[in-house]
Amino acid sequence: MAAVNTTTDAGAETKDRKRKESILDLSKFLDKVIRVKFAGGRECSGILKGFDPLLNLVLDNTTEYLRGPDDAFKLTDDTRLLGLVVCRGTSVVLICPVEGTEAIPNPFIPQDS
């Protein structure tokens, strides 16, 4: 009786698959100032110097916006300069460019007329 090989060539199968691409194209923000929000409420801004597919970021001239002592999610006007920082991608919640953004009033809070 002859032995039958039922295994498939896994190497050829992985070559046929397309490589997963990141949804975000951060290359257009390289060497520009971005603001990053992290899980837990921390926020910082800095010049994007590098990134990888896992959303790990390298920021230069980074400034952290400090939170209030009473409310951990309320930012104060206090900041501290951090310099060159590597941000772990698993904790990044939001990335936005600083240039071209502006603060607007909350539409869900009734405004005094």
N, C-alpha and C. Protein backbone atom coordinates (compact mmCIF):
# COMPACT_ATOMS: atom_id res chain seq x y z
N MET A 1 0.84 -1.16 0.00
CA MET A 1 0.00 0.00 0.00
C MET A 1 0.90 1.23 0.00
N ALA A 2 0.59 2.19 -0.85
CA ALA A 2 1.39 3.40 -0.99
C ALA A 2 0.84 4.49 -0.08
N ALA A 3 1.72 5.27 0.49
CA ALA A 3 1.31 6.37 1.36
C ALA A 3 0.90 7.55 0.50
N VAL A 4 -0.16 8.23 0.89
CA VAL A 4 -0.67 9.38 0.15
C VAL A 4 -0.38 10.64 0.95
N ASN A 5 0.22 11.62 0.31
CA ASN A 5 0.54 12.89 0.97
C ASN A 5 -0.64 13.84 0.77
N THR A 6 -1.36 14.13 1.86
CA THR A 6 -2.54 15.00 1.76
C THR A 6 -2.27 16.42 2.23
N THR A 7 -1.04 16.73 2.59
CA THR A 7 -0.74 18.08 3.06
C THR A 7 -0.61 19.02 1.88
N THR A 8 -0.96 20.29 2.09
CA THR A 8 -0.83 21.29 1.05
C THR A 8 0.43 22.10 1.27
N ASP A 9 0.88 22.74 0.25
CA ASP A 9 2.08 23.57 0.35
C ASP A 9 1.71 24.90 1.00
N ALA A 10 1.97 25.04 2.28
CA ALA A 10 1.59 26.25 3.02
C ALA A 10 2.39 27.47 2.55
N GLY A 11 3.61 27.25 2.10
CA GLY A 11 4.43 28.36 1.64
C GLY A 11 3.85 29.04 0.42
N ALA A 12 3.34 28.27 -0.52
CA ALA A 12 2.73 28.84 -1.72
C ALA A 12 1.43 29.55 -1.38
N GLU A 13 0.74 29.04 -0.38
CA GLU A 13 -0.53 29.64 0.02
C GLU A 13 -0.34 31.02 0.63
N THR A 14 0.71 31.19 1.44
CA THR A 14 0.94 32.50 2.07
C THR A 14 1.45 33.51 1.06
N LYS A 15 2.13 33.08 0.02
CA LYS A 15 2.61 34.01 -1.01
C LYS A 15 1.46 34.55 -1.84
N ASP A 16 0.42 33.76 -1.99
CA ASP A 16 -0.73 34.19 -2.79
C ASP A 16 -1.59 35.22 -2.07
N ARG A 17 -1.56 35.21 -0.76
CA ARG A 17 -2.36 36.17 0.00
C ARG A 17 -1.81 37.57 -0.18
N LYS A 18 -2.70 38.55 -0.22
CA LYS A 18 -2.25 39.93 -0.30
C LYS A 18 -1.84 40.41 1.07
N ARG A 19 -0.84 41.25 1.09
CA ARG A 19 -0.36 41.81 2.36
C ARG A 19 -1.37 42.82 2.87
N LYS A 20 -1.67 42.74 4.16
CA LYS A 20 -2.61 43.68 4.76
C LYS A 20 -1.98 45.06 4.84
N GLU A 21 -2.73 46.05 4.42
CA GLU A 21 -2.25 47.42 4.48
C GLU A 21 -2.97 48.16 5.59
N SER A 22 -2.30 49.13 6.13
CA SER A 22 -2.89 49.94 7.18
C SER A 22 -4.00 50.82 6.61
N ILE A 23 -5.03 51.02 7.39
CA ILE A 23 -6.15 51.87 6.97
C ILE A 23 -5.70 53.33 6.92
N LEU A 24 -4.85 53.71 7.86
CA LEU A 24 -4.38 55.09 7.94
C LEU A 24 -3.13 55.29 7.09
N ASP A 25 -3.10 56.38 6.36
CA ASP A 25 -1.90 56.74 5.61
C ASP A 25 -1.25 57.91 6.33
N LEU A 26 -0.39 57.60 7.29
CA LEU A 26 0.25 58.64 8.10
C LEU A 26 1.44 59.28 7.38
N SER A 27 1.82 58.78 6.22
CA SER A 27 2.98 59.34 5.53
C SER A 27 2.76 60.80 5.13
N LYS A 28 1.50 61.18 4.93
CA LYS A 28 1.24 62.59 4.58
C LYS A 28 1.40 63.53 5.77
N PHE A 29 1.51 62.99 6.98
CA PHE A 29 1.71 63.80 8.17
C PHE A 29 3.16 63.79 8.66
N LEU A 30 4.06 63.12 7.95
CA LEU A 30 5.46 63.10 8.36
C LEU A 30 6.02 64.51 8.38
N ASP A 31 6.78 64.82 9.40
CA ASP A 31 7.40 66.14 9.60
C ASP A 31 6.37 67.25 9.77
N LYS A 32 5.15 66.90 10.20
CA LYS A 32 4.12 67.88 10.52
C LYS A 32 3.67 67.65 11.95
N VAL A 33 3.10 68.69 12.55
CA VAL A 33 2.66 68.59 13.95
C VAL A 33 1.32 67.87 14.00
N ILE A 34 1.25 66.83 14.84
CA ILE A 34 0.00 66.11 15.05
C ILE A 34 -0.32 66.09 16.55
N ARG A 35 -1.58 65.85 16.85
CA ARG A 35 -2.02 65.71 18.24
C ARG A 35 -2.49 64.28 18.42
N VAL A 36 -2.11 63.67 19.51
CA VAL A 36 -2.42 62.26 19.76
C VAL A 36 -3.14 62.14 21.10
N LYS A 37 -4.25 61.40 21.11
CA LYS A 37 -4.95 61.09 22.36
C LYS A 37 -4.74 59.61 22.65
N PHE A 38 -4.51 59.32 23.93
CA PHE A 38 -4.22 57.96 24.36
C PHE A 38 -5.34 57.41 25.24
N ALA A 39 -5.40 56.08 25.32
CA ALA A 39 -6.31 55.43 26.25
C ALA A 39 -5.91 55.87 27.66
N GLY A 40 -6.87 56.23 28.47
CA GLY A 40 -6.58 56.72 29.81
C GLY A 40 -6.65 58.23 29.91
N GLY A 41 -6.78 58.93 28.76
CA GLY A 41 -7.01 60.35 28.79
C GLY A 41 -5.83 61.26 28.50
N ARG A 42 -4.62 60.71 28.40
CA ARG A 42 -3.47 61.58 28.12
C ARG A 42 -3.52 62.11 26.69
N GLU A 43 -2.97 63.32 26.51
CA GLU A 43 -2.89 63.94 25.19
C GLU A 43 -1.53 64.57 25.02
N CYS A 44 -1.02 64.52 23.79
CA CYS A 44 0.24 65.20 23.49
C CYS A 44 0.25 65.62 22.04
N SER A 45 1.16 66.51 21.71
CA SER A 45 1.34 66.93 20.33
C SER A 45 2.82 67.01 20.05
N GLY A 46 3.18 66.74 18.80
CA GLY A 46 4.58 66.79 18.42
C GLY A 46 4.73 66.58 16.92
N ILE A 47 5.95 66.65 16.45
CA ILE A 47 6.23 66.48 15.03
C ILE A 47 6.40 64.98 14.75
N LEU A 48 5.60 64.45 13.84
CA LEU A 48 5.65 63.03 13.50
C LEU A 48 6.93 62.75 12.72
N LYS A 49 7.79 61.93 13.28
CA LYS A 49 9.05 61.57 12.63
C LYS A 49 9.03 60.17 12.05
N GLY A 50 8.15 59.30 12.55
CA GLY A 50 8.09 57.95 12.04
C GLY A 50 6.91 57.19 12.60
N PHE A 51 6.57 56.06 11.95
CA PHE A 51 5.46 55.22 12.39
C PHE A 51 5.65 53.83 11.78
N ASP A 52 4.88 52.87 12.25
CA ASP A 52 4.89 51.54 11.68
C ASP A 52 3.46 51.04 11.53
N PRO A 53 3.25 49.85 10.94
CA PRO A 53 1.88 49.36 10.71
C PRO A 53 1.07 49.13 11.99
N LEU A 54 1.75 48.96 13.13
CA LEU A 54 1.05 48.76 14.40
C LEU A 54 0.68 50.08 15.06
N LEU A 55 0.92 51.20 14.40
CA LEU A 55 0.61 52.54 14.86
C LEU A 55 1.52 53.03 15.98
N ASN A 56 2.69 52.39 16.12
CA ASN A 56 3.70 52.95 17.02
C ASN A 56 4.19 54.23 16.36
N LEU A 57 4.30 55.31 17.13
CA LEU A 57 4.64 56.62 16.59
C LEU A 57 5.93 57.13 17.22
N VAL A 58 6.70 57.87 16.44
CA VAL A 58 7.86 58.59 16.96
C VAL A 58 7.56 60.07 16.79
N LEU A 59 7.50 60.80 17.91
CA LEU A 59 7.21 62.23 17.90
C LEU A 59 8.41 62.99 18.44
N ASP A 60 8.71 64.13 17.81
CA ASP A 60 9.79 64.99 18.28
C ASP A 60 9.19 66.30 18.78
N ASN A 61 9.91 66.99 19.66
CA ASN A 61 9.43 68.23 20.29
C ASN A 61 8.03 68.03 20.87
N THR A 62 7.86 66.95 21.58
CA THR A 62 6.55 66.57 22.10
C THR A 62 6.18 67.38 23.34
N THR A 63 4.93 67.82 23.36
CA THR A 63 4.38 68.54 24.51
C THR A 63 3.19 67.75 25.04
N GLU A 64 3.20 67.45 26.34
CA GLU A 64 2.08 66.76 26.96
C GLU A 64 1.16 67.79 27.59
N TYR A 65 -0.13 67.61 27.39
CA TYR A 65 -1.13 68.50 28.00
C TYR A 65 -1.59 67.83 29.29
N LEU A 66 -1.33 68.53 30.41
CA LEU A 66 -1.61 67.94 31.73
C LEU A 66 -3.09 68.02 32.07
N ARG A 67 -3.52 67.06 32.85
CA ARG A 67 -4.93 66.96 33.25
C ARG A 67 -5.13 67.55 34.63
N GLY A 68 -6.39 67.89 34.91
CA GLY A 68 -6.72 68.47 36.20
C GLY A 68 -6.65 67.46 37.32
N PRO A 69 -6.35 67.90 38.55
CA PRO A 69 -6.26 66.96 39.67
C PRO A 69 -7.62 66.40 40.09
N ASP A 70 -8.70 67.15 39.84
CA ASP A 70 -10.03 66.70 40.24
C ASP A 70 -10.66 65.77 39.20
N ASP A 71 -10.51 66.11 37.93
CA ASP A 71 -11.11 65.33 36.85
C ASP A 71 -9.99 64.87 35.92
N ALA A 72 -9.79 63.56 35.84
CA ALA A 72 -8.68 63.01 35.06
C ALA A 72 -8.84 63.23 33.56
N PHE A 73 -10.06 63.53 33.08
CA PHE A 73 -10.28 63.70 31.65
C PHE A 73 -10.39 65.16 31.24
N LYS A 74 -10.27 66.08 32.19
CA LYS A 74 -10.34 67.50 31.87
C LYS A 74 -8.92 68.06 31.77
N LEU A 75 -8.61 68.62 30.61
CA LEU A 75 -7.27 69.18 30.40
C LEU A 75 -7.17 70.57 31.00
N THR A 76 -5.99 70.88 31.50
CA THR A 76 -5.71 72.22 32.03
C THR A 76 -4.85 72.97 31.01
N ASP A 77 -4.49 74.20 31.33
CA ASP A 77 -3.61 74.97 30.46
C ASP A 77 -2.15 74.63 30.69
N ASP A 78 -1.86 73.77 31.66
CA ASP A 78 -0.48 73.39 31.98
C ASP A 78 0.03 72.36 30.97
N THR A 79 1.28 72.53 30.58
CA THR A 79 1.93 71.58 29.67
C THR A 79 3.31 71.26 30.20
N ARG A 80 3.89 70.19 29.66
CA ARG A 80 5.29 69.90 29.96
C ARG A 80 5.95 69.37 28.69
N LEU A 81 7.17 69.78 28.46
CA LEU A 81 7.91 69.42 27.27
C LEU A 81 8.57 68.06 27.49
N LEU A 82 8.34 67.12 26.58
CA LEU A 82 8.89 65.78 26.71
C LEU A 82 10.05 65.52 25.76
N GLY A 83 10.10 66.21 24.62
CA GLY A 83 11.18 65.99 23.66
C GLY A 83 10.85 64.86 22.70
N LEU A 84 11.80 63.95 22.45
CA LEU A 84 11.62 62.83 21.54
C LEU A 84 10.93 61.70 22.26
N VAL A 85 9.81 61.20 21.69
CA VAL A 85 8.98 60.21 22.37
C VAL A 85 8.60 59.11 21.40
N VAL A 86 8.55 57.87 21.89
CA VAL A 86 8.00 56.75 21.14
C VAL A 86 6.67 56.40 21.78
N CYS A 87 5.58 56.47 21.01
CA CYS A 87 4.23 56.20 21.51
C CYS A 87 3.82 54.79 21.08
N ARG A 88 3.42 53.99 22.04
CA ARG A 88 3.01 52.62 21.74
C ARG A 88 1.66 52.62 21.05
N GLY A 89 1.56 51.93 19.94
CA GLY A 89 0.37 51.94 19.11
C GLY A 89 -0.87 51.39 19.77
N THR A 90 -0.72 50.45 20.72
CA THR A 90 -1.90 49.86 21.35
C THR A 90 -2.65 50.84 22.23
N SER A 91 -1.97 51.92 22.65
CA SER A 91 -2.64 52.89 23.52
C SER A 91 -3.13 54.12 22.76
N VAL A 92 -2.83 54.23 21.47
CA VAL A 92 -3.27 55.37 20.67
C VAL A 92 -4.75 55.24 20.36
N VAL A 93 -5.51 56.29 20.67
CA VAL A 93 -6.95 56.31 20.41
C VAL A 93 -7.28 57.21 19.23
N LEU A 94 -6.60 58.36 19.12
CA LEU A 94 -6.92 59.34 18.09
C LEU A 94 -5.67 60.06 17.63
N ILE A 95 -5.58 60.29 16.32
CA ILE A 95 -4.48 61.06 15.73
C ILE A 95 -5.11 62.13 14.84
N CYS A 96 -4.72 63.39 15.04
CA CYS A 96 -5.25 64.44 14.18
C CYS A 96 -4.17 65.48 13.92
N PRO A 97 -4.17 66.07 12.74
CA PRO A 97 -3.20 67.13 12.46
C PRO A 97 -3.57 68.39 13.23
N VAL A 98 -2.58 69.14 13.69
CA VAL A 98 -2.84 70.37 14.42
C VAL A 98 -3.21 71.48 13.44
N GLU A 99 -2.52 71.51 12.31
CA GLU A 99 -2.79 72.52 11.29
C GLU A 99 -4.12 72.22 10.60
N GLY A 100 -4.99 73.21 10.54
CA GLY A 100 -6.27 73.04 9.85
C GLY A 100 -7.40 72.59 10.76
N THR A 101 -7.18 72.52 12.07
CA THR A 101 -8.27 72.16 12.98
C THR A 101 -8.59 73.36 13.86
N GLU A 102 -9.83 73.44 14.28
CA GLU A 102 -10.24 74.52 15.17
C GLU A 102 -11.30 73.99 16.14
N ALA A 103 -11.37 74.60 17.29
CA ALA A 103 -12.34 74.21 18.31
C ALA A 103 -13.70 74.80 17.97
N ILE A 104 -14.73 73.99 18.14
CA ILE A 104 -16.10 74.47 17.93
C ILE A 104 -16.89 74.25 19.21
N PRO A 105 -17.97 75.01 19.42
CA PRO A 105 -18.79 74.78 20.62
C PRO A 105 -19.52 73.44 20.52
N ASN A 106 -19.77 72.85 21.66
CA ASN A 106 -20.46 71.57 21.71
C ASN A 106 -21.91 71.76 21.27
N PRO A 107 -22.35 71.09 20.20
CA PRO A 107 -23.71 71.27 19.70
C PRO A 107 -24.78 70.62 20.60
N PHE A 108 -24.35 69.77 21.53
CA PHE A 108 -25.31 69.08 22.38
C PHE A 108 -25.60 69.80 23.68
N ILE A 109 -24.87 70.87 23.95
CA ILE A 109 -25.13 71.68 25.14
C ILE A 109 -25.90 72.91 24.71
N PRO A 110 -27.03 73.20 25.35
CA PRO A 110 -27.80 74.40 24.96
C PRO A 110 -26.98 75.66 25.13
N GLN A 111 -26.94 76.48 24.09
CA GLN A 111 -26.17 77.73 24.11
C GLN A 111 -27.09 78.88 24.52
N ASP A 112 -26.55 79.82 25.29
CA ASP A 112 -27.32 81.00 25.69
C ASP A 112 -27.45 81.93 24.50
N SER A 113 -28.65 82.42 24.25
CA SER A 113 -28.87 83.31 23.10
C SER A 113 -28.72 84.75 23.49
